[in-house]
Amino acid sequence: MEYIKTEIAGVFIIEPRVFNDARGYFMEAWKEAEFNEHIGPVKFIQDNESKSSYGVLRGLHYQKGAYSQAKLVRVIKGRVLDVAVDIRKSSPTFGKHVMVELSEDNKRQFFIPRGFAHGFLVLSEEAIFTYKVDNPYMPSQEAGVRWNDPELAIEWPIDPAVVQTSEKDLKQPLLKEAEIFE
């Protein structure tokens, strides 16, 4: 696998080696020793999966305090635009984001450390999105930032009128009003 550093320290794009032949393909999607060598030890404890249709935007989500989560995300079917926003107030990249397209074709993965809000937009007819987390979901500690906060300047590539999101996500605070990491 190739571990590609991004403009925000600690956030990585991971490109697996894919072996194709007449039968299909094979790839290693996770290799702990290699991951630890390039990124560092992260003890993933749970795998999650979601299915969404075109225009669905999930995020920008995070968990607070001791329940914050590192994530390793990828797409099994379809295509999404995935975004990680640095919400660590003391960080030199506070409020900045990294955006990457993840798809069943490019098989890229995206590592997002603790201290980031995360979201994705489905660009294909449907997408199956899977991710590993290093901390359990704790409803009382969930938080978010509004996906279309002008301060974040995220250039989502579809008309905002087409975006489908939850009622909860529509009510998320702007970054300047959100509960963030120190």
Protein backbone atom coordinates (compact mmCIF):
# COMPACT_ATOMS: atom_id res chain seq x y z
CA MET A 1 0.00 0.00 0.00
CA GLU A 2 1.07 3.56 -0.60
CA TYR A 3 0.53 5.99 2.30
CA ILE A 4 0.14 9.52 0.93
CA LYS A 5 0.53 12.46 3.31
CA THR A 6 -1.93 15.31 2.81
CA GLU A 7 -1.60 19.03 3.51
CA ILE A 8 -2.88 18.39 7.05
CA ALA A 9 -0.51 16.41 9.29
CA GLY A 10 -1.90 13.06 10.38
CA VAL A 11 -4.46 12.76 7.56
CA PHE A 12 -3.51 10.14 4.95
CA ILE A 13 -4.81 8.81 1.66
CA ILE A 14 -4.00 5.13 1.32
CA GLU A 15 -3.78 3.48 -2.09
CA PRO A 16 -3.74 -0.32 -2.01
CA ARG A 17 -1.97 -2.53 -4.52
CA VAL A 18 -4.70 -4.15 -6.59
CA PHE A 19 -4.05 -7.36 -8.51
CA ASN A 20 -6.48 -7.78 -11.42
CA ASP A 21 -6.94 -10.79 -13.65
CA ALA A 22 -9.72 -12.51 -15.61
CA ARG A 23 -11.35 -13.64 -12.35
CA GLY A 24 -11.61 -10.15 -10.86
CA TYR A 25 -9.24 -8.58 -8.35
CA PHE A 26 -7.47 -9.11 -5.04
CA MET A 27 -6.15 -6.51 -2.60
CA GLU A 28 -5.13 -6.23 1.02
CA ALA A 29 -7.53 -3.73 2.57
CA TRP A 30 -5.93 -3.69 6.02
CA LYS A 31 -2.52 -4.75 7.26
CA GLU A 32 -1.87 -3.73 10.87
CA ALA A 33 1.95 -3.88 10.83
CA GLU A 34 2.19 -1.78 7.68
CA PHE A 35 -0.40 0.72 8.94
CA ASN A 36 1.47 1.10 12.24
CA GLU A 37 4.76 1.64 10.40
CA HIS A 38 3.39 4.49 8.28
CA ILE A 39 0.74 6.11 10.49
CA GLY A 40 1.24 4.73 13.97
CA PRO A 41 -0.68 2.36 16.19
CA VAL A 42 -4.45 2.75 16.18
CA LYS A 43 -6.57 0.08 17.84
CA PHE A 44 -9.67 -0.16 15.67
CA ILE A 45 -12.52 -1.75 17.59
CA GLN A 46 -15.52 -1.58 15.29
CA ASP A 47 -16.43 -1.62 11.58
CA ASN A 48 -19.45 0.35 10.33
CA GLU A 49 -21.17 0.38 6.95
CA SER A 50 -23.78 2.61 5.32
CA LYS A 51 -25.65 2.61 2.03
CA SER A 52 -26.76 5.91 0.50
CA SER A 53 -28.06 7.25 -2.79
CA TYR A 54 -26.94 10.12 -5.03
CA GLY A 55 -26.81 13.49 -3.30
CA VAL A 56 -26.85 12.13 0.24
CA LEU A 57 -24.48 14.09 2.45
CA ARG A 58 -23.64 12.60 5.83
CA GLY A 59 -21.77 14.94 8.15
CA LEU A 60 -19.84 16.77 9.25
CA HIS A 61 -19.73 14.55 12.35
CA TYR A 62 -17.42 13.87 15.28
CA GLN A 63 -17.50 12.72 18.88
CA LYS A 64 -16.26 14.88 21.73
CA GLY A 65 -13.58 14.42 24.37
CA ALA A 66 -12.62 10.93 25.49
CA TYR A 67 -15.07 9.51 22.91
CA SER A 68 -13.42 11.11 19.87
CA GLN A 69 -12.74 8.69 17.04
CA ALA A 70 -10.04 8.02 14.49
CA LYS A 71 -11.50 6.56 11.29
CA LEU A 72 -10.26 4.56 8.34
CA VAL A 73 -12.86 4.90 5.58
CA ARG A 74 -13.39 3.44 2.12
CA VAL A 75 -16.05 2.84 -0.51
CA ILE A 76 -17.00 -0.69 -1.54
CA LYS A 77 -19.56 0.33 -4.17
CA GLY A 78 -20.05 3.65 -5.93
CA ARG A 79 -18.26 6.94 -5.51
CA VAL A 80 -18.15 9.58 -2.76
CA LEU A 81 -16.38 12.82 -2.00
CA ASP A 82 -14.97 12.45 1.51
CA VAL A 83 -13.98 15.41 3.70
CA ALA A 84 -12.04 15.76 6.95
CA VAL A 85 -12.06 19.15 8.72
CA ASP A 86 -9.46 19.99 11.37
CA ILE A 87 -11.37 21.19 14.44
CA ARG A 88 -8.42 21.27 16.86
CA LYS A 89 -8.29 24.90 17.98
CA SER A 90 -4.55 24.76 18.74
CA SER A 91 -3.70 23.29 15.33
CA PRO A 92 -2.00 25.43 12.66
CA THR A 93 -4.51 23.96 10.19
CA PHE A 94 -7.62 24.65 12.32
CA GLY A 95 -10.69 25.04 10.09
CA LYS A 96 -8.90 23.66 7.02
CA HIS A 97 -10.04 20.53 5.26
CA VAL A 98 -8.80 17.68 3.09
CA MET A 99 -11.08 16.34 0.38
CA VAL A 100 -10.61 13.07 -1.53
CA GLU A 101 -12.70 11.03 -3.92
CA LEU A 102 -13.14 7.44 -2.79
CA SER A 103 -14.62 4.90 -5.16
CA GLU A 104 -15.00 1.23 -5.92
CA ASP A 105 -12.67 1.85 -8.88
CA ASN A 106 -9.77 3.67 -7.17
CA LYS A 107 -10.12 1.63 -3.95
CA ARG A 108 -8.50 4.44 -1.98
CA GLN A 109 -8.86 4.66 1.77
CA PHE A 110 -8.78 7.78 3.91
CA PHE A 111 -7.38 7.91 7.44
CA ILE A 112 -8.84 10.64 9.65
CA PRO A 113 -7.30 11.03 13.13
CA ARG A 114 -9.11 12.18 16.27
CA GLY A 115 -9.87 15.90 16.36
CA PHE A 116 -11.53 16.10 12.95
CA ALA A 117 -15.10 16.49 11.74
CA HIS A 118 -15.88 14.06 8.94
CA GLY A 119 -18.46 13.82 6.20
CA PHE A 120 -19.08 12.52 2.72
CA LEU A 121 -21.25 13.25 -0.32
CA VAL A 122 -22.47 10.47 -2.60
CA LEU A 123 -21.62 11.16 -6.26
CA SER A 124 -22.86 7.88 -7.78
CA GLU A 125 -26.38 6.46 -8.04
CA GLU A 126 -25.69 4.64 -4.79
CA ALA A 127 -22.70 4.02 -2.54
CA ILE A 128 -21.72 1.53 0.12
CA PHE A 129 -19.35 3.19 2.56
CA THR A 130 -17.43 1.34 5.26
CA TYR A 131 -15.18 2.51 8.06
CA LYS A 132 -13.20 1.35 11.03
CA VAL A 133 -13.27 3.36 14.28
CA ASP A 134 -11.10 3.24 17.37
CA ASN A 135 -13.78 4.21 19.89
CA PRO A 136 -17.42 3.15 20.28
CA TYR A 137 -20.30 5.40 19.29
CA MET A 138 -21.57 7.36 22.27
CA PRO A 139 -24.82 9.25 21.49
CA SER A 140 -24.33 11.74 24.34
CA GLN A 141 -20.93 12.76 22.89
CA GLU A 142 -21.86 13.16 19.23
CA ALA A 143 -21.44 16.59 17.66
CA GLY A 144 -21.14 18.20 14.28
CA VAL A 145 -20.47 21.21 12.14
CA ARG A 146 -22.82 22.38 9.40
CA TRP A 147 -21.80 20.91 6.04
CA ASN A 148 -22.27 24.22 4.20
CA ASP A 149 -20.58 26.55 6.72
CA PRO A 150 -19.19 29.40 4.55
CA GLU A 151 -16.13 29.70 6.83
CA LEU A 152 -15.07 26.16 5.85
CA ALA A 153 -15.33 26.96 2.12
CA ILE A 154 -15.87 23.31 1.16
CA GLU A 155 -16.63 23.16 -2.55
CA TRP A 156 -19.20 20.38 -2.74
CA PRO A 157 -19.53 19.52 -6.46
CA ILE A 158 -23.33 19.37 -6.72
CA ASP A 159 -26.12 21.90 -6.46
CA PRO A 160 -26.95 22.43 -2.74
CA ALA A 161 -30.64 22.15 -3.63
CA VAL A 162 -30.03 18.50 -4.58
CA VAL A 163 -28.21 17.60 -1.35
CA GLN A 164 -30.11 15.17 0.88
CA THR A 165 -29.16 15.28 4.53
CA SER A 166 -30.74 14.52 7.88
CA GLU A 167 -32.74 17.00 9.91
CA LYS A 168 -30.03 16.72 12.58
CA ASP A 169 -27.30 17.68 10.10
CA LEU A 170 -29.31 20.67 8.86
CA LYS A 171 -29.31 22.00 12.44
CA GLN A 172 -25.60 21.53 13.18
CA PRO A 173 -23.82 24.70 14.34
CA LEU A 174 -21.33 26.70 12.33
CA LEU A 175 -17.68 26.06 13.23
CA LYS A 176 -17.46 29.30 15.23
CA GLU A 177 -20.39 28.07 17.42
CA ALA A 178 -19.39 24.39 17.65
CA GLU A 179 -17.88 22.58 20.60
CA ILE A 180 -14.36 21.85 19.33
CA PHE A 181 -11.11 20.27 20.48
CA GLU A 182 -8.42 22.33 22.23
